Amino acid sequence: MSESRDYLEMSFKSIECFSNDGKLDADELGKIVAIAERDGDVDQNEIRVLRNIISQIKPDLASDCG
């Protein structure tokens, strides 16, 4: 069995999302997570990429959440 390369697709998708407006919204993150989950197994490369993506998320200080 060959190694999954979904983590590369996840990386490229995150670059695309961040570069369009400098932000990653919940829908975009969901699409990236869906790439990791689509084969039924989230491997270590996918986890590494997800951790890296999540570490780059900054709270939107201009948001009016309450």
Foldseek 3Di string as FASTA:
>chain_A
DDDDPLLVVLLVLLCVQCVVPNAADPVSLVVSVCSCPVVPHNDPSSVVSNVVSVVSHDDDPPDDPD
